[in-house]
N, C-alpha and C. Protein backbone atom coordinates (compact mmCIF):
# COMPACT_ATOMS: atom_id res chain seq x y z
N UNK A 1 61.13 189.83 55.66
CA UNK A 1 62.42 189.25 55.68
C UNK A 1 63.14 189.57 54.38
N UNK A 2 64.34 189.89 54.62
CA UNK A 2 65.11 190.28 53.45
C UNK A 2 65.87 189.06 52.93
N UNK A 3 66.43 189.23 51.80
CA UNK A 3 67.17 188.13 51.16
C UNK A 3 68.38 187.75 52.00
N UNK A 4 69.00 188.69 52.68
CA UNK A 4 70.17 188.39 53.53
C UNK A 4 69.78 187.56 54.72
N UNK A 5 68.59 187.86 55.28
CA UNK A 5 68.14 187.09 56.43
C UNK A 5 67.78 185.67 56.02
N UNK A 6 67.14 185.53 54.87
CA UNK A 6 66.79 184.19 54.37
C UNK A 6 68.07 183.39 54.12
N UNK A 7 69.04 184.04 53.56
CA UNK A 7 70.32 183.36 53.29
C UNK A 7 70.98 182.96 54.60
N UNK A 8 70.83 183.80 55.64
CA UNK A 8 71.41 183.47 56.94
C UNK A 8 70.68 182.29 57.56
N UNK A 9 69.32 182.27 57.40
CA UNK A 9 68.56 181.13 57.91
C UNK A 9 68.92 179.84 57.18
N UNK A 10 69.06 179.91 55.89
CA UNK A 10 69.43 178.72 55.10
C UNK A 10 70.82 178.26 55.53
N UNK A 11 71.72 179.19 55.70
CA UNK A 11 73.08 178.85 56.12
C UNK A 11 73.07 178.23 57.52
N UNK A 12 72.25 178.79 58.43
CA UNK A 12 72.15 178.25 59.79
C UNK A 12 71.56 176.85 59.76
N UNK A 13 70.52 176.63 58.92
CA UNK A 13 69.91 175.30 58.80
C UNK A 13 70.91 174.29 58.23
N UNK A 14 71.67 174.74 57.23
CA UNK A 14 72.69 173.85 56.65
C UNK A 14 73.76 173.52 57.69
N UNK A 15 74.11 174.50 58.50
CA UNK A 15 75.12 174.25 59.53
C UNK A 15 74.60 173.27 60.57
N UNK A 16 73.31 173.43 60.95
CA UNK A 16 72.71 172.49 61.92
C UNK A 16 72.67 171.09 61.32
N UNK A 17 72.30 170.99 60.06
CA UNK A 17 72.25 169.69 59.38
C UNK A 17 73.66 169.08 59.32
N UNK A 18 74.64 169.91 59.04
CA UNK A 18 76.02 169.44 58.97
C UNK A 18 76.49 168.95 60.35
N UNK A 19 76.12 169.67 61.39
CA UNK A 19 76.49 169.26 62.75
C UNK A 19 75.81 167.95 63.10
N UNK A 20 74.53 167.78 62.74
CA UNK A 20 73.83 166.52 63.02
C UNK A 20 74.45 165.35 62.26
N UNK A 21 74.80 165.59 61.01
CA UNK A 21 75.42 164.53 60.21
C UNK A 21 76.79 164.17 60.79
N UNK A 22 77.56 165.15 61.24
CA UNK A 22 78.89 164.90 61.80
C UNK A 22 78.81 164.32 63.21
N UNK A 23 77.71 164.58 63.92
CA UNK A 23 77.57 164.10 65.29
C UNK A 23 77.45 162.59 65.35
N UNK A 24 76.79 161.98 64.37
CA UNK A 24 76.59 160.53 64.39
C UNK A 24 77.94 159.80 64.34
N UNK A 25 78.82 160.11 63.37
CA UNK A 25 80.13 159.42 63.40
C UNK A 25 80.96 159.76 64.64
N UNK A 26 80.82 161.01 65.13
CA UNK A 26 81.57 161.37 66.34
C UNK A 26 81.09 160.58 67.55
N UNK A 27 79.79 160.35 67.65
CA UNK A 27 79.25 159.55 68.75
C UNK A 27 79.73 158.09 68.64
N UNK A 28 79.68 157.56 67.41
CA UNK A 28 80.17 156.19 67.20
C UNK A 28 81.66 156.09 67.52
N UNK A 29 82.43 157.10 67.14
CA UNK A 29 83.86 157.12 67.45
C UNK A 29 84.08 157.17 68.96
N UNK A 30 83.25 157.93 69.65
CA UNK A 30 83.34 158.01 71.11
C UNK A 30 83.07 156.66 71.75
N UNK A 31 82.03 155.94 71.25
CA UNK A 31 81.73 154.60 71.77
C UNK A 31 82.89 153.64 71.50
N UNK A 32 83.45 153.75 70.30
CA UNK A 32 84.58 152.89 69.94
C UNK A 32 85.76 153.14 70.87
N UNK A 33 86.04 154.40 71.16
CA UNK A 33 87.13 154.73 72.07
C UNK A 33 86.84 154.22 73.48
N UNK A 34 85.58 154.30 73.92
CA UNK A 34 85.21 153.78 75.23
C UNK A 34 85.44 152.26 75.28
N UNK A 35 85.01 151.57 74.22
CA UNK A 35 85.21 150.11 74.17
C UNK A 35 86.70 149.76 74.14
N UNK A 36 87.48 150.54 73.41
CA UNK A 36 88.92 150.30 73.37
C UNK A 36 89.54 150.51 74.75
N UNK A 37 89.07 151.52 75.46
CA UNK A 37 89.57 151.78 76.80
C UNK A 37 89.24 150.62 77.73
N UNK A 38 88.01 150.11 77.63
CA UNK A 38 87.60 148.97 78.46
C UNK A 38 88.43 147.74 78.11
N UNK A 39 88.65 147.51 76.83
CA UNK A 39 89.43 146.34 76.41
C UNK A 39 90.87 146.44 76.90
N UNK A 40 91.44 147.62 76.83
CA UNK A 40 92.82 147.81 77.32
C UNK A 40 92.88 147.60 78.83
N UNK A 41 91.88 148.09 79.54
CA UNK A 41 91.84 147.91 80.98
C UNK A 41 91.74 146.42 81.34
N UNK A 42 90.86 145.68 80.63
CA UNK A 42 90.72 144.24 80.88
C UNK A 42 92.01 143.50 80.55
N UNK A 43 92.66 143.88 79.46
CA UNK A 43 93.92 143.24 79.09
C UNK A 43 94.98 143.51 80.15
N UNK A 44 95.00 144.71 80.66
CA UNK A 44 95.97 145.06 81.71
C UNK A 44 95.69 144.25 82.97
N UNK A 45 94.40 144.14 83.34
CA UNK A 45 94.04 143.37 84.53
C UNK A 45 94.35 141.89 84.33
N UNK A 46 94.15 141.39 83.12
CA UNK A 46 94.43 139.97 82.84
C UNK A 46 95.91 139.67 82.72
N UNK A 47 96.69 140.66 82.34
CA UNK A 47 98.12 140.41 82.15
C UNK A 47 98.88 140.44 83.47
N UNK A 48 98.36 141.09 84.47
CA UNK A 48 99.05 141.16 85.75
C UNK A 48 99.26 139.77 86.36
N UNK A 49 98.23 138.90 86.43
CA UNK A 49 98.49 137.56 86.96
C UNK A 49 99.45 136.75 86.08
N UNK A 50 99.35 136.95 84.78
CA UNK A 50 100.27 136.23 83.89
C UNK A 50 101.71 136.63 84.15
N UNK A 51 101.92 137.92 84.32
CA UNK A 51 103.28 138.39 84.60
C UNK A 51 103.77 137.90 85.96
N UNK A 52 102.86 137.85 86.94
CA UNK A 52 103.24 137.32 88.25
C UNK A 52 103.63 135.85 88.14
N UNK A 53 102.83 135.07 87.38
CA UNK A 53 103.15 133.65 87.18
C UNK A 53 104.47 133.48 86.43
N UNK A 54 104.70 134.32 85.45
CA UNK A 54 105.97 134.24 84.71
C UNK A 54 107.14 134.55 85.62
N UNK A 55 106.98 135.50 86.51
CA UNK A 55 108.04 135.85 87.44
C UNK A 55 108.30 134.69 88.41
N UNK A 56 107.24 134.05 88.88
CA UNK A 56 107.39 132.88 89.76
C UNK A 56 108.11 131.75 89.03
N UNK A 57 107.72 131.53 87.78
CA UNK A 57 108.36 130.48 86.99
C UNK A 57 109.84 130.76 86.80
N UNK A 58 110.18 132.00 86.52
CA UNK A 58 111.59 132.36 86.35
C UNK A 58 112.38 132.17 87.64
N UNK A 59 111.77 132.46 88.77
CA UNK A 59 112.46 132.22 90.05
C UNK A 59 112.73 130.72 90.23
N UNK A 60 111.75 129.89 89.91
CA UNK A 60 111.94 128.44 90.05
C UNK A 60 113.01 127.94 89.08
N UNK A 61 113.01 128.46 87.87
CA UNK A 61 114.03 128.05 86.89
C UNK A 61 115.41 128.45 87.38
N UNK A 62 115.54 129.64 87.93
CA UNK A 62 116.83 130.08 88.47
C UNK A 62 117.28 129.18 89.61
N UNK A 63 116.34 128.77 90.47
CA UNK A 63 116.68 127.86 91.56
C UNK A 63 117.18 126.53 91.01
N UNK A 64 116.50 126.00 90.00
CA UNK A 64 116.93 124.74 89.40
C UNK A 64 118.29 124.88 88.72
N UNK A 65 118.52 126.01 88.08
CA UNK A 65 119.83 126.24 87.45
C UNK A 65 120.95 126.31 88.49
N UNK A 66 120.67 126.89 89.64
CA UNK A 66 121.66 126.91 90.70
C UNK A 66 121.97 125.49 91.17
N UNK A 67 120.96 124.65 91.27
CA UNK A 67 121.18 123.26 91.65
C UNK A 67 122.01 122.54 90.60
N UNK A 68 121.70 122.77 89.33
CA UNK A 68 122.46 122.15 88.25
C UNK A 68 123.91 122.63 88.28
N UNK A 69 124.10 123.91 88.59
CA UNK A 69 125.47 124.42 88.71
C UNK A 69 126.22 123.69 89.81
N UNK A 70 125.55 123.44 90.93
CA UNK A 70 126.18 122.70 92.03
C UNK A 70 126.54 121.29 91.62
N UNK A 71 125.62 120.64 90.90
CA UNK A 71 125.88 119.27 90.43
C UNK A 71 127.04 119.27 89.44
N UNK A 72 127.06 120.24 88.56
CA UNK A 72 128.15 120.33 87.58
C UNK A 72 129.48 120.56 88.28
N UNK A 73 129.49 121.41 89.28
CA UNK A 73 130.73 121.65 90.03
C UNK A 73 131.18 120.38 90.73
N UNK A 74 130.23 119.62 91.29
CA UNK A 74 130.58 118.34 91.93
C UNK A 74 131.14 117.35 90.93
N UNK A 75 130.52 117.27 89.75
CA UNK A 75 131.02 116.36 88.72
C UNK A 75 132.41 116.77 88.26
N UNK A 76 132.64 118.06 88.16
CA UNK A 76 133.96 118.56 87.76
C UNK A 76 135.00 118.16 88.81
N UNK A 77 134.65 118.28 90.09
CA UNK A 77 135.56 117.90 91.16
C UNK A 77 135.86 116.41 91.11
N UNK A 78 134.81 115.60 90.90
CA UNK A 78 135.00 114.15 90.82
C UNK A 78 135.90 113.79 89.65
N UNK A 79 135.68 114.40 88.49
CA UNK A 79 136.51 114.06 87.33
C UNK A 79 137.95 114.50 87.55
N UNK A 80 138.16 115.61 88.23
CA UNK A 80 139.52 116.05 88.56
C UNK A 80 140.18 115.05 89.51
N UNK A 81 139.43 114.61 90.51
CA UNK A 81 139.98 113.63 91.46
C UNK A 81 140.31 112.31 90.77
N UNK A 82 139.46 111.87 89.87
CA UNK A 82 139.72 110.63 89.13
C UNK A 82 140.96 110.79 88.26
N UNK A 83 141.12 111.94 87.65
CA UNK A 83 142.30 112.19 86.82
C UNK A 83 143.57 112.16 87.65
N UNK A 84 143.52 112.80 88.82
CA UNK A 84 144.68 112.79 89.71
C UNK A 84 144.97 111.38 90.19
N UNK A 85 143.93 110.64 90.54
CA UNK A 85 144.11 109.26 91.01
C UNK A 85 144.69 108.39 89.91
N UNK A 86 144.24 108.58 88.68
CA UNK A 86 144.77 107.81 87.55
C UNK A 86 146.23 108.14 87.32
N UNK A 87 146.57 109.40 87.40
CA UNK A 87 147.97 109.81 87.25
C UNK A 87 148.83 109.21 88.35
N UNK A 88 148.32 109.23 89.57
CA UNK A 88 149.06 108.66 90.70
C UNK A 88 149.25 107.16 90.51
N UNK A 89 148.20 106.47 90.11
CA UNK A 89 148.29 105.03 89.89
C UNK A 89 149.29 104.71 88.78
N UNK A 90 149.24 105.47 87.71
CA UNK A 90 150.17 105.25 86.60
C UNK A 90 151.60 105.50 87.04
N UNK A 91 151.81 106.54 87.82
CA UNK A 91 153.16 106.87 88.25
C UNK A 91 153.71 105.85 89.24
N UNK A 92 152.87 105.34 90.14
CA UNK A 92 153.38 104.46 91.19
C UNK A 92 153.30 102.98 90.81
N UNK A 93 152.19 102.54 90.29
CA UNK A 93 152.02 101.11 90.03
C UNK A 93 152.03 100.77 88.55
N UNK A 94 151.77 101.72 87.70
CA UNK A 94 151.66 101.43 86.27
C UNK A 94 152.94 100.90 85.68
N UNK A 95 154.07 101.56 85.96
CA UNK A 95 155.36 101.14 85.41
C UNK A 95 155.75 99.74 85.89
N UNK A 96 155.73 99.48 87.19
CA UNK A 96 156.07 98.14 87.66
C UNK A 96 155.11 97.07 87.14
N UNK A 97 153.83 97.38 87.02
CA UNK A 97 152.88 96.39 86.51
C UNK A 97 153.16 96.07 85.05
N UNK A 98 153.51 97.08 84.28
CA UNK A 98 153.84 96.84 82.88
C UNK A 98 155.11 96.00 82.79
N UNK A 99 156.09 96.29 83.63
CA UNK A 99 157.33 95.50 83.63
C UNK A 99 157.06 94.06 84.04
N UNK A 100 156.21 93.89 85.07
CA UNK A 100 155.88 92.53 85.52
C UNK A 100 155.14 91.77 84.42
N UNK A 101 154.25 92.43 83.73
CA UNK A 101 153.53 91.78 82.63
C UNK A 101 154.49 91.42 81.51
N UNK A 102 155.41 92.32 81.21
CA UNK A 102 156.39 92.03 80.16
C UNK A 102 157.28 90.87 80.56
N UNK A 103 157.68 90.82 81.83
CA UNK A 103 158.51 89.72 82.31
C UNK A 103 157.78 88.40 82.22
N UNK A 104 156.52 88.38 82.67
CA UNK A 104 155.76 87.12 82.61
C UNK A 104 155.55 86.68 81.17
N UNK A 105 155.31 87.63 80.28
CA UNK A 105 155.14 87.29 78.86
C UNK A 105 156.44 86.72 78.31
N UNK A 106 157.56 87.36 78.65
CA UNK A 106 158.85 86.88 78.17
C UNK A 106 159.18 85.51 78.72
N UNK A 107 158.89 85.29 80.01
CA UNK A 107 159.14 83.98 80.60
C UNK A 107 158.29 82.90 79.94
N UNK A 108 157.02 83.21 79.70
CA UNK A 108 156.15 82.19 79.07
C UNK A 108 156.63 81.88 77.66
N UNK A 109 157.10 82.88 76.94
CA UNK A 109 157.64 82.64 75.58
C UNK A 109 158.91 81.80 75.66
N UNK A 110 159.77 82.10 76.65
CA UNK A 110 161.01 81.35 76.79
C UNK A 110 160.74 79.90 77.16
N UNK A 111 159.78 79.69 78.07
CA UNK A 111 159.43 78.32 78.46
C UNK A 111 158.86 77.57 77.26
N UNK A 112 157.99 78.22 76.52
CA UNK A 112 157.42 77.56 75.34
C UNK A 112 158.50 77.26 74.31
N UNK A 113 159.42 78.19 74.13
CA UNK A 113 160.50 77.97 73.16
C UNK A 113 161.40 76.84 73.62
N UNK A 114 161.69 76.77 74.89
CA UNK A 114 162.53 75.70 75.41
C UNK A 114 161.85 74.36 75.26
N UNK A 115 160.55 74.31 75.58
CA UNK A 115 159.81 73.06 75.41
C UNK A 115 159.78 72.66 73.94
N UNK A 116 159.55 73.64 73.09
CA UNK A 116 159.54 73.34 71.66
C UNK A 116 160.91 72.85 71.22
N UNK A 117 161.96 73.41 71.77
CA UNK A 117 163.33 72.98 71.43
C UNK A 117 163.60 71.57 71.90
N UNK A 118 163.14 71.20 73.07
CA UNK A 118 163.33 69.84 73.59
C UNK A 118 162.56 68.85 72.73
N UNK A 119 161.35 69.23 72.37
CA UNK A 119 160.54 68.35 71.54
C UNK A 119 161.21 68.17 70.18
N UNK A 120 161.74 69.24 69.63
CA UNK A 120 162.41 69.15 68.33
C UNK A 120 163.65 68.30 68.45
N UNK A 121 164.38 68.42 69.56
CA UNK A 121 165.58 67.61 69.76
C UNK A 121 165.24 66.14 69.89
N UNK A 122 164.14 65.83 70.55
CA UNK A 122 163.74 64.43 70.72
C UNK A 122 163.36 63.84 69.38
N UNK A 123 162.69 64.60 68.57
CA UNK A 123 162.31 64.11 67.24
C UNK A 123 163.55 63.89 66.38
N UNK A 124 164.49 64.82 66.51
CA UNK A 124 165.70 64.71 65.69
C UNK A 124 166.53 63.51 66.13
N UNK A 125 166.59 63.25 67.41
CA UNK A 125 167.33 62.08 67.90
C UNK A 125 166.66 60.80 67.44
N UNK A 126 165.35 60.83 67.46
CA UNK A 126 164.61 59.64 67.02
C UNK A 126 164.86 59.35 65.57
N UNK A 127 165.00 60.30 64.74
CA UNK A 127 165.24 60.11 63.33
C UNK A 127 166.66 59.58 63.09
N UNK A 128 167.57 60.09 63.86
CA UNK A 128 168.96 59.61 63.70
C UNK A 128 169.04 58.16 64.07
N UNK A 129 168.37 57.79 65.12
CA UNK A 129 168.42 56.40 65.54
C UNK A 129 167.76 55.51 64.51
N UNK A 130 166.68 55.98 63.96
CA UNK A 130 165.98 55.19 62.96
C UNK A 130 166.86 55.04 61.71
N UNK A 131 167.58 56.11 61.40
CA UNK A 131 168.43 56.05 60.22
C UNK A 131 169.59 55.09 60.41
N UNK A 132 170.10 54.94 61.59
CA UNK A 132 171.22 54.07 61.88
C UNK A 132 170.78 52.62 61.86
N UNK A 133 169.65 52.34 62.21
CA UNK A 133 169.17 50.97 62.30
C UNK A 133 169.05 50.40 60.99
C-alpha cells in the first residue's frame, strides 16, 4: 500500500465517522419533525369541533340579536305612538284644562278675598261701634 492509498483510507474512515456523527442529530431532527407533524394533526383534529361550536354559537347570537332588533323596533313604535298621543292630548285637551284650572284658581282666590273683605268689614264696623259707645 502506498501512502496515497493509506491517505485515501484515512479520509474514507474520517468521512464515515463524520457521517455517523451527523446521522445522530439528523435522526433526532427527523423524530422531532414527526412529533411536530403528529401534534399539528391532533391540533387540527381538535380545533375542528371547536370551530363548529363557535359557528353554532355565532348563529345563536345572531338569532338573539334579531329578536332584540325586533323588540327595539317595537319599543321605538310604542314611544312614537306615545309621543303622538301626548301631542294630541296637549293640542285638544291641554289648553282647555289649563284654562279651567286657571279659572278655578282665580275663582277660589276671589272667593277667599271676598270673604276676607267681609270679615275685615265686620271687624271695622265693630270697632266703630265700640268707639261710639
